[in-house]
Amino acid sequence: MPGLRPMDTKRLQLAVKLSFLVIQTMKYCLTLFTLLILFGLNSCSKGEGNLLDKYRYEVTGTVTAPVHIQYTPDITKAIPDDDDLDDYEVTTTLPWSKAVELHPNVSGAGCSAGTSDAVPGQTINIKIFRDNNLVAEHETVVDADGYAQLLLNYYKDGTVNKY
């Protein structure tokens, strides 16, 4: 190279080699990082059923009118898609039961039930089971106007909210 001293040429060649090594190392690190991310995402897939928390809701009582029920649905991914949350309410007669699986990141489960055309004095009862153990229960009585509404939330830390 014209105008460069022999020492400058050696430094330039060394700098080029060093740059090449840095780029190669970055490529290997990026490949390793990508593989780790893919492995991590795969470990959170729906196929890991043994890691999911299993819950069951039971709604019973003496109400003979249709009851509208909403509940925490299956959530098997750390970040659910909108499609995963479609089926979480039903209008039916009692008794009703539903088993769901929840990702470990989900803090608990909840269920509500209500009716507006029942006989005063009739009852609605909600039970939440976790791994077949009763963890929360709530009951209400239909008022004089035929209305009843109740909500039961259970959290993994043992907290229970009843409304």
N, C-alpha and C. Protein backbone atom coordinates (compact mmCIF):
# COMPACT_ATOMS: atom_id res chain seq x y z
N MET A 1 0.84 -1.17 0.00
CA MET A 1 0.00 0.00 0.00
C MET A 1 0.89 1.24 0.00
N PRO A 2 0.66 2.13 -0.95
CA PRO A 2 1.51 3.31 -1.02
C PRO A 2 1.25 4.25 0.16
N GLY A 3 2.29 4.81 0.69
CA GLY A 3 2.18 5.79 1.76
C GLY A 3 2.11 5.18 3.14
N LEU A 4 2.02 3.86 3.28
CA LEU A 4 1.96 3.23 4.60
C LEU A 4 3.32 2.63 4.91
N ARG A 5 3.73 2.77 6.10
CA ARG A 5 4.97 2.15 6.53
C ARG A 5 4.71 0.68 6.83
N PRO A 6 5.71 -0.18 6.81
CA PRO A 6 5.52 -1.60 7.07
C PRO A 6 4.83 -1.87 8.41
N MET A 7 5.10 -1.07 9.44
CA MET A 7 4.49 -1.27 10.73
C MET A 7 2.99 -0.97 10.67
N ASP A 8 2.61 0.10 9.90
CA ASP A 8 1.20 0.44 9.76
C ASP A 8 0.44 -0.67 9.03
N THR A 9 1.06 -1.30 8.05
CA THR A 9 0.44 -2.40 7.30
C THR A 9 0.17 -3.57 8.23
N LYS A 10 1.11 -3.88 9.08
CA LYS A 10 0.93 -4.98 10.03
C LYS A 10 -0.20 -4.68 11.01
N ARG A 11 -0.25 -3.43 11.47
CA ARG A 11 -1.32 -3.05 12.39
C ARG A 11 -2.68 -3.15 11.70
N LEU A 12 -2.73 -2.73 10.45
CA LEU A 12 -3.98 -2.80 9.69
C LEU A 12 -4.40 -4.25 9.50
N GLN A 13 -3.46 -5.13 9.16
CA GLN A 13 -3.78 -6.55 9.00
C GLN A 13 -4.26 -7.15 10.33
N LEU A 14 -3.62 -6.78 11.42
CA LEU A 14 -4.01 -7.26 12.74
C LEU A 14 -5.42 -6.76 13.10
N ALA A 15 -5.69 -5.51 12.79
CA ALA A 15 -7.01 -4.95 13.07
C ALA A 15 -8.10 -5.66 12.27
N VAL A 16 -7.79 -5.99 11.01
CA VAL A 16 -8.76 -6.71 10.17
C VAL A 16 -9.01 -8.10 10.75
N LYS A 17 -7.95 -8.80 11.14
CA LYS A 17 -8.11 -10.13 11.73
C LYS A 17 -8.91 -10.07 13.02
N LEU A 18 -8.62 -9.07 13.84
CA LEU A 18 -9.33 -8.92 15.10
C LEU A 18 -10.81 -8.62 14.85
N SER A 19 -11.08 -7.77 13.89
CA SER A 19 -12.47 -7.46 13.54
C SER A 19 -13.20 -8.72 13.06
N PHE A 20 -12.54 -9.52 12.26
CA PHE A 20 -13.12 -10.76 11.79
C PHE A 20 -13.45 -11.69 12.96
N LEU A 21 -12.53 -11.81 13.93
CA LEU A 21 -12.77 -12.65 15.11
C LEU A 21 -13.94 -12.13 15.93
N VAL A 22 -14.03 -10.83 16.09
CA VAL A 22 -15.15 -10.23 16.84
C VAL A 22 -16.48 -10.53 16.15
N ILE A 23 -16.51 -10.39 14.83
CA ILE A 23 -17.74 -10.67 14.08
C ILE A 23 -18.12 -12.14 14.20
N GLN A 24 -17.15 -13.04 14.08
CA GLN A 24 -17.42 -14.49 14.22
C GLN A 24 -17.96 -14.79 15.63
N THR A 25 -17.34 -14.20 16.64
CA THR A 25 -17.78 -14.43 18.02
C THR A 25 -19.21 -13.92 18.21
N MET A 26 -19.51 -12.76 17.64
CA MET A 26 -20.87 -12.21 17.74
C MET A 26 -21.87 -13.13 17.05
N LYS A 27 -21.49 -13.70 15.90
CA LYS A 27 -22.38 -14.63 15.20
C LYS A 27 -22.67 -15.85 16.07
N TYR A 28 -21.63 -16.40 16.70
CA TYR A 28 -21.81 -17.57 17.56
C TYR A 28 -22.69 -17.22 18.77
N CYS A 29 -22.44 -16.06 19.35
CA CYS A 29 -23.26 -15.64 20.50
C CYS A 29 -24.71 -15.44 20.11
N LEU A 30 -24.94 -14.82 18.95
CA LEU A 30 -26.30 -14.61 18.46
C LEU A 30 -26.99 -15.95 18.19
N THR A 31 -26.27 -16.88 17.61
CA THR A 31 -26.84 -18.21 17.35
C THR A 31 -27.19 -18.90 18.67
N LEU A 32 -26.29 -18.84 19.62
CA LEU A 32 -26.53 -19.45 20.93
C LEU A 32 -27.72 -18.79 21.61
N PHE A 33 -27.79 -17.47 21.57
CA PHE A 33 -28.90 -16.72 22.17
C PHE A 33 -30.22 -17.11 21.52
N THR A 34 -30.24 -17.20 20.20
CA THR A 34 -31.45 -17.59 19.47
C THR A 34 -31.89 -19.00 19.87
N LEU A 35 -30.94 -19.93 19.97
CA LEU A 35 -31.29 -21.30 20.39
C LEU A 35 -31.84 -21.32 21.80
N LEU A 36 -31.26 -20.54 22.70
CA LEU A 36 -31.77 -20.48 24.07
C LEU A 36 -33.19 -19.91 24.12
N ILE A 37 -33.46 -18.88 23.34
CA ILE A 37 -34.80 -18.29 23.28
C ILE A 37 -35.79 -19.32 22.74
N LEU A 38 -35.43 -20.00 21.66
CA LEU A 38 -36.34 -21.00 21.09
C LEU A 38 -36.58 -22.14 22.08
N PHE A 39 -35.55 -22.56 22.78
CA PHE A 39 -35.71 -23.61 23.78
C PHE A 39 -36.63 -23.13 24.90
N GLY A 40 -36.43 -21.88 25.34
CA GLY A 40 -37.27 -21.32 26.40
C GLY A 40 -38.73 -21.21 25.99
N LEU A 41 -38.98 -20.76 24.76
CA LEU A 41 -40.35 -20.66 24.28
C LEU A 41 -40.99 -22.04 24.16
N ASN A 42 -40.22 -23.00 23.72
CA ASN A 42 -40.75 -24.36 23.58
C ASN A 42 -41.08 -24.95 24.94
N SER A 43 -40.32 -24.61 25.97
CA SER A 43 -40.59 -25.17 27.29
C SER A 43 -41.87 -24.61 27.88
N CYS A 44 -42.39 -23.51 27.34
CA CYS A 44 -43.65 -22.95 27.82
C CYS A 44 -44.82 -23.36 26.93
N SER A 45 -44.62 -24.31 26.07
CA SER A 45 -45.68 -24.68 25.13
C SER A 45 -46.78 -25.45 25.81
N LYS A 46 -47.90 -25.60 25.11
CA LYS A 46 -49.07 -26.28 25.64
C LYS A 46 -48.78 -27.74 25.95
N GLY A 47 -47.80 -28.31 25.33
CA GLY A 47 -47.50 -29.71 25.54
C GLY A 47 -46.93 -30.03 26.92
N GLU A 48 -46.58 -29.05 27.68
CA GLU A 48 -46.02 -29.27 29.01
C GLU A 48 -47.15 -29.36 30.03
N GLY A 49 -48.08 -30.27 29.84
CA GLY A 49 -49.27 -30.38 30.67
C GLY A 49 -48.99 -30.67 32.12
N ASN A 50 -47.88 -31.30 32.44
CA ASN A 50 -47.61 -31.61 33.83
C ASN A 50 -47.24 -30.37 34.64
N LEU A 51 -46.95 -29.26 34.01
CA LEU A 51 -46.63 -28.03 34.72
C LEU A 51 -47.85 -27.15 34.95
N LEU A 52 -48.96 -27.46 34.32
CA LEU A 52 -50.16 -26.64 34.42
C LEU A 52 -50.90 -26.91 35.71
N ASP A 53 -51.51 -25.85 36.27
CA ASP A 53 -52.35 -26.00 37.46
C ASP A 53 -53.74 -26.45 37.01
N LYS A 54 -54.27 -27.44 37.67
CA LYS A 54 -55.58 -28.00 37.31
C LYS A 54 -56.63 -27.52 38.30
N TYR A 55 -57.68 -26.87 37.78
CA TYR A 55 -58.78 -26.36 38.58
C TYR A 55 -60.09 -26.96 38.07
N ARG A 56 -61.08 -26.99 38.96
CA ARG A 56 -62.43 -27.40 38.57
C ARG A 56 -63.42 -26.49 39.28
N TYR A 57 -64.40 -26.01 38.51
CA TYR A 57 -65.47 -25.20 39.07
C TYR A 57 -66.72 -26.07 39.16
N GLU A 58 -67.47 -25.94 40.23
CA GLU A 58 -68.76 -26.60 40.36
C GLU A 58 -69.76 -25.54 40.81
N VAL A 59 -70.85 -25.43 40.06
CA VAL A 59 -71.92 -24.52 40.44
C VAL A 59 -73.16 -25.38 40.63
N THR A 60 -73.68 -25.35 41.84
CA THR A 60 -74.85 -26.16 42.19
C THR A 60 -75.85 -25.27 42.91
N GLY A 61 -76.96 -25.84 43.32
CA GLY A 61 -77.95 -25.11 44.10
C GLY A 61 -79.36 -25.57 43.77
N THR A 62 -80.30 -24.85 44.32
CA THR A 62 -81.71 -25.21 44.13
C THR A 62 -82.39 -24.38 43.05
N VAL A 63 -81.67 -23.42 42.46
CA VAL A 63 -82.23 -22.57 41.40
C VAL A 63 -82.59 -23.44 40.20
N THR A 64 -83.81 -23.26 39.70
CA THR A 64 -84.26 -24.01 38.53
C THR A 64 -84.25 -23.15 37.26
N ALA A 65 -84.12 -21.84 37.41
CA ALA A 65 -84.05 -20.93 36.26
C ALA A 65 -82.65 -21.00 35.65
N PRO A 66 -82.50 -20.58 34.38
CA PRO A 66 -81.16 -20.54 33.78
C PRO A 66 -80.22 -19.64 34.58
N VAL A 67 -78.97 -20.07 34.66
CA VAL A 67 -77.94 -19.34 35.40
C VAL A 67 -76.83 -18.97 34.41
N HIS A 68 -76.41 -17.70 34.47
CA HIS A 68 -75.30 -17.23 33.62
C HIS A 68 -74.02 -17.38 34.43
N ILE A 69 -73.03 -18.12 33.88
CA ILE A 69 -71.79 -18.43 34.57
C ILE A 69 -70.60 -17.91 33.76
N GLN A 70 -69.69 -17.22 34.43
CA GLN A 70 -68.43 -16.79 33.82
C GLN A 70 -67.30 -17.34 34.67
N TYR A 71 -66.18 -17.71 34.03
CA TYR A 71 -65.10 -18.35 34.75
C TYR A 71 -63.76 -18.08 34.07
N THR A 72 -62.69 -18.26 34.82
CA THR A 72 -61.34 -18.19 34.23
C THR A 72 -61.17 -19.42 33.34
N PRO A 73 -60.94 -19.22 32.03
CA PRO A 73 -60.86 -20.35 31.11
C PRO A 73 -59.47 -20.99 31.11
N ASP A 74 -59.30 -22.02 30.27
CA ASP A 74 -57.97 -22.61 30.07
C ASP A 74 -57.02 -21.51 29.63
N ILE A 75 -55.90 -21.38 30.32
CA ILE A 75 -54.83 -20.46 29.91
C ILE A 75 -53.55 -21.29 30.02
N THR A 76 -53.10 -21.80 28.88
CA THR A 76 -51.98 -22.73 28.89
C THR A 76 -50.67 -22.12 28.42
N LYS A 77 -50.70 -20.82 28.09
CA LYS A 77 -49.49 -20.13 27.65
C LYS A 77 -49.20 -18.98 28.60
N ALA A 78 -47.94 -18.61 28.72
CA ALA A 78 -47.56 -17.49 29.57
C ALA A 78 -48.23 -16.21 29.08
N ILE A 79 -48.30 -16.03 27.77
CA ILE A 79 -48.99 -14.88 27.18
C ILE A 79 -50.03 -15.44 26.22
N PRO A 80 -51.31 -15.50 26.67
CA PRO A 80 -52.34 -16.12 25.82
C PRO A 80 -52.69 -15.26 24.61
N ASP A 81 -53.09 -15.94 23.54
CA ASP A 81 -53.62 -15.26 22.36
C ASP A 81 -55.09 -14.96 22.63
N ASP A 82 -55.66 -14.05 21.83
CA ASP A 82 -57.08 -13.77 21.97
C ASP A 82 -57.92 -15.02 21.75
N ASP A 83 -57.48 -15.90 20.85
CA ASP A 83 -58.22 -17.13 20.57
C ASP A 83 -58.28 -18.05 21.79
N ASP A 84 -57.33 -17.93 22.69
CA ASP A 84 -57.28 -18.78 23.87
C ASP A 84 -58.35 -18.42 24.89
N LEU A 85 -58.93 -17.24 24.77
CA LEU A 85 -59.85 -16.75 25.80
C LEU A 85 -61.29 -16.65 25.31
N ASP A 86 -61.64 -17.35 24.25
CA ASP A 86 -62.98 -17.23 23.69
C ASP A 86 -64.08 -17.82 24.57
N ASP A 87 -63.85 -18.99 25.12
CA ASP A 87 -64.89 -19.75 25.79
C ASP A 87 -64.78 -19.61 27.30
N TYR A 88 -65.45 -18.61 27.87
CA TYR A 88 -65.35 -18.42 29.31
C TYR A 88 -66.69 -18.07 29.96
N GLU A 89 -67.78 -18.25 29.24
CA GLU A 89 -69.08 -18.02 29.83
C GLU A 89 -70.13 -18.93 29.19
N VAL A 90 -71.16 -19.22 29.99
CA VAL A 90 -72.19 -20.12 29.55
C VAL A 90 -73.48 -19.80 30.31
N THR A 91 -74.60 -19.98 29.67
CA THR A 91 -75.89 -19.90 30.35
C THR A 91 -76.46 -21.31 30.34
N THR A 92 -76.78 -21.82 31.52
CA THR A 92 -77.18 -23.21 31.66
C THR A 92 -78.05 -23.40 32.89
N THR A 93 -78.53 -24.61 33.08
CA THR A 93 -79.23 -24.95 34.31
C THR A 93 -78.26 -25.70 35.22
N LEU A 94 -78.57 -25.70 36.49
CA LEU A 94 -77.70 -26.35 37.47
C LEU A 94 -78.05 -27.82 37.61
N PRO A 95 -77.07 -28.65 37.95
CA PRO A 95 -75.67 -28.37 38.28
C PRO A 95 -74.82 -28.20 37.03
N TRP A 96 -73.68 -27.52 37.21
CA TRP A 96 -72.73 -27.28 36.12
C TRP A 96 -71.33 -27.48 36.68
N SER A 97 -70.42 -28.01 35.85
CA SER A 97 -69.03 -28.24 36.26
C SER A 97 -68.12 -28.02 35.07
N LYS A 98 -66.91 -27.52 35.34
CA LYS A 98 -65.95 -27.28 34.27
C LYS A 98 -64.54 -27.45 34.83
N ALA A 99 -63.71 -28.24 34.14
CA ALA A 99 -62.30 -28.40 34.50
C ALA A 99 -61.47 -27.55 33.56
N VAL A 100 -60.46 -26.84 34.11
CA VAL A 100 -59.58 -25.99 33.31
C VAL A 100 -58.14 -26.22 33.74
N GLU A 101 -57.21 -25.84 32.86
CA GLU A 101 -55.78 -25.89 33.16
C GLU A 101 -55.23 -24.48 33.00
N LEU A 102 -54.44 -24.06 33.98
CA LEU A 102 -53.90 -22.70 33.97
C LEU A 102 -52.38 -22.73 34.04
N HIS A 103 -51.77 -21.88 33.24
CA HIS A 103 -50.31 -21.72 33.22
C HIS A 103 -49.84 -21.31 34.62
N PRO A 104 -48.66 -21.75 35.04
CA PRO A 104 -48.16 -21.40 36.37
C PRO A 104 -48.06 -19.89 36.64
N ASN A 105 -47.97 -19.07 35.59
CA ASN A 105 -47.92 -17.62 35.79
C ASN A 105 -49.27 -17.02 36.16
N VAL A 106 -50.35 -17.76 35.95
CA VAL A 106 -51.69 -17.27 36.30
C VAL A 106 -51.83 -17.36 37.82
N SER A 107 -52.25 -16.27 38.45
CA SER A 107 -52.23 -16.19 39.91
C SER A 107 -53.38 -16.90 40.60
N GLY A 108 -54.40 -17.32 39.87
CA GLY A 108 -55.52 -18.01 40.50
C GLY A 108 -56.66 -18.19 39.53
N ALA A 109 -57.83 -18.52 40.09
CA ALA A 109 -59.00 -18.81 39.27
C ALA A 109 -60.23 -18.14 39.88
N GLY A 110 -61.19 -17.83 39.02
CA GLY A 110 -62.41 -17.19 39.50
C GLY A 110 -63.63 -17.68 38.75
N CYS A 111 -64.77 -17.60 39.42
CA CYS A 111 -66.04 -18.03 38.82
C CYS A 111 -67.15 -17.16 39.38
N SER A 112 -68.08 -16.77 38.51
CA SER A 112 -69.26 -16.01 38.97
C SER A 112 -70.50 -16.66 38.39
N ALA A 113 -71.61 -16.46 39.08
CA ALA A 113 -72.89 -17.01 38.62
C ALA A 113 -73.99 -16.03 38.99
N GLY A 114 -75.00 -15.96 38.13
CA GLY A 114 -76.11 -15.06 38.41
C GLY A 114 -77.36 -15.48 37.67
N THR A 115 -78.49 -15.06 38.22
CA THR A 115 -79.78 -15.31 37.59
C THR A 115 -80.69 -14.13 37.89
N SER A 116 -81.70 -13.95 37.05
CA SER A 116 -82.62 -12.84 37.26
C SER A 116 -84.07 -13.29 37.21
N ASP A 117 -84.30 -14.59 37.19
CA ASP A 117 -85.67 -15.08 37.05
C ASP A 117 -85.90 -16.31 37.92
N ALA A 118 -85.36 -16.30 39.12
CA ALA A 118 -85.47 -17.46 40.00
C ALA A 118 -86.53 -17.23 41.08
N VAL A 119 -86.83 -18.27 41.80
CA VAL A 119 -87.79 -18.21 42.90
C VAL A 119 -87.06 -17.70 44.14
N PRO A 120 -87.61 -16.68 44.80
CA PRO A 120 -86.97 -16.18 46.02
C PRO A 120 -86.72 -17.31 47.03
N GLY A 121 -85.53 -17.27 47.63
CA GLY A 121 -85.17 -18.27 48.62
C GLY A 121 -84.35 -19.42 48.06
N GLN A 122 -84.35 -19.59 46.74
CA GLN A 122 -83.52 -20.64 46.15
C GLN A 122 -82.04 -20.24 46.30
N THR A 123 -81.14 -21.20 46.12
CA THR A 123 -79.72 -20.94 46.35
C THR A 123 -78.86 -21.25 45.13
N ILE A 124 -77.69 -20.60 45.10
CA ILE A 124 -76.62 -20.91 44.13
C ILE A 124 -75.34 -21.06 44.94
N ASN A 125 -74.58 -22.11 44.65
CA ASN A 125 -73.33 -22.38 45.36
C ASN A 125 -72.22 -22.58 44.33
N ILE A 126 -71.08 -21.92 44.56
CA ILE A 126 -69.90 -22.09 43.71
C ILE A 126 -68.80 -22.73 44.55
N LYS A 127 -68.13 -23.73 43.98
CA LYS A 127 -66.96 -24.35 44.59
C LYS A 127 -65.82 -24.31 43.58
N ILE A 128 -64.61 -24.03 44.07
CA ILE A 128 -63.42 -24.09 43.24
C ILE A 128 -62.49 -25.13 43.85
N PHE A 129 -62.06 -26.07 43.00
CA PHE A 129 -61.13 -27.12 43.41
C PHE A 129 -59.80 -26.89 42.70
N ARG A 130 -58.71 -27.12 43.41
CA ARG A 130 -57.38 -27.09 42.80
C ARG A 130 -56.76 -28.46 43.07
N ASP A 131 -56.38 -29.15 42.01
CA ASP A 131 -55.85 -30.51 42.13
C ASP A 131 -56.77 -31.39 42.97
N ASN A 132 -58.08 -31.29 42.70
CA ASN A 132 -59.13 -32.07 43.37
C ASN A 132 -59.30 -31.76 44.86
N ASN A 133 -58.72 -30.67 45.33
CA ASN A 133 -58.92 -30.25 46.72
C ASN A 133 -59.79 -29.00 46.73
N LEU A 134 -60.83 -28.98 47.55
CA LEU A 134 -61.68 -27.80 47.67
C LEU A 134 -60.87 -26.67 48.27
N VAL A 135 -60.77 -25.53 47.54
CA VAL A 135 -59.99 -24.39 48.02
C VAL A 135 -60.84 -23.16 48.29
N ALA A 136 -62.07 -23.11 47.73
CA ALA A 136 -62.93 -21.95 47.95
C ALA A 136 -64.38 -22.35 47.69
N GLU A 137 -65.28 -21.72 48.47
CA GLU A 137 -66.71 -22.01 48.32
C GLU A 137 -67.49 -20.76 48.71
N HIS A 138 -68.60 -20.54 48.02
CA HIS A 138 -69.45 -19.36 48.29
C HIS A 138 -70.88 -19.70 47.90
N GLU A 139 -71.82 -19.19 48.69
CA GLU A 139 -73.24 -19.46 48.41
C GLU A 139 -74.02 -18.17 48.57
N THR A 140 -75.10 -18.04 47.79
CA THR A 140 -76.00 -16.90 47.92
C THR A 140 -77.43 -17.39 47.81
N VAL A 141 -78.34 -16.54 48.26
CA VAL A 141 -79.77 -16.85 48.24
C VAL A 141 -80.45 -15.85 47.29
N VAL A 142 -81.38 -16.33 46.50
CA VAL A 142 -82.14 -15.49 45.57
C VAL A 142 -82.98 -14.51 46.38
N ASP A 143 -82.94 -13.21 45.99
CA ASP A 143 -83.68 -12.19 46.73
C ASP A 143 -85.16 -12.20 46.37
N ALA A 144 -85.91 -11.30 46.97
CA ALA A 144 -87.37 -11.24 46.79
C ALA A 144 -87.77 -10.92 45.35
N ASP A 145 -86.87 -10.30 44.57
CA ASP A 145 -87.16 -9.96 43.18
C ASP A 145 -86.72 -11.05 42.20
N GLY A 146 -86.19 -12.16 42.70
CA GLY A 146 -85.76 -13.25 41.83
C GLY A 146 -84.33 -13.14 41.33
N TYR A 147 -83.55 -12.20 41.91
CA TYR A 147 -82.16 -11.98 41.48
C TYR A 147 -81.17 -12.63 42.44
N ALA A 148 -80.09 -13.11 41.88
CA ALA A 148 -78.96 -13.62 42.67
C ALA A 148 -77.70 -13.44 41.85
N GLN A 149 -76.65 -13.03 42.52
CA GLN A 149 -75.35 -12.82 41.86
C GLN A 149 -74.26 -13.11 42.87
N LEU A 150 -73.27 -13.90 42.49
CA LEU A 150 -72.13 -14.13 43.36
C LEU A 150 -70.87 -14.33 42.54
N LEU A 151 -69.75 -13.99 43.17
CA LEU A 151 -68.44 -14.08 42.54
C LEU A 151 -67.48 -14.69 43.55
N LEU A 152 -66.66 -15.62 43.09
CA LEU A 152 -65.68 -16.28 43.95
C LEU A 152 -64.33 -16.30 43.24
N ASN A 153 -63.31 -15.75 43.89
CA ASN A 153 -61.94 -15.76 43.36
C ASN A 153 -61.04 -16.49 44.33
N TYR A 154 -60.18 -17.35 43.80
CA TYR A 154 -59.18 -18.05 44.60
C TYR A 154 -57.82 -17.70 44.04
N TYR A 155 -56.87 -17.34 44.91
CA TYR A 155 -55.50 -17.03 44.51
C TYR A 155 -54.55 -18.08 45.08
N LYS A 156 -53.48 -18.35 44.36
CA LYS A 156 -52.53 -19.39 44.77
C LYS A 156 -51.96 -19.17 46.17
N ASP A 157 -51.90 -17.93 46.61
CA ASP A 157 -51.37 -17.67 47.95
C ASP A 157 -52.37 -18.00 49.05
N GLY A 158 -53.56 -18.48 48.66
CA GLY A 158 -54.59 -18.87 49.63
C GLY A 158 -55.66 -17.81 49.85
N THR A 159 -55.48 -16.63 49.28
CA THR A 159 -56.49 -15.57 49.42
C THR A 159 -57.76 -15.97 48.68
N VAL A 160 -58.90 -15.71 49.30
CA VAL A 160 -60.20 -15.98 48.69
C VAL A 160 -61.03 -14.71 48.78
N ASN A 161 -61.59 -14.28 47.66
CA ASN A 161 -62.49 -13.13 47.63
C ASN A 161 -63.89 -13.61 47.29
N LYS A 162 -64.86 -13.14 48.06
CA LYS A 162 -66.26 -13.50 47.85
C LYS A 162 -67.08 -12.22 47.72
N TYR A 163 -67.89 -12.15 46.67
CA TYR A 163 -68.76 -10.99 46.47
C TYR A 163 -70.15 -11.48 46.17
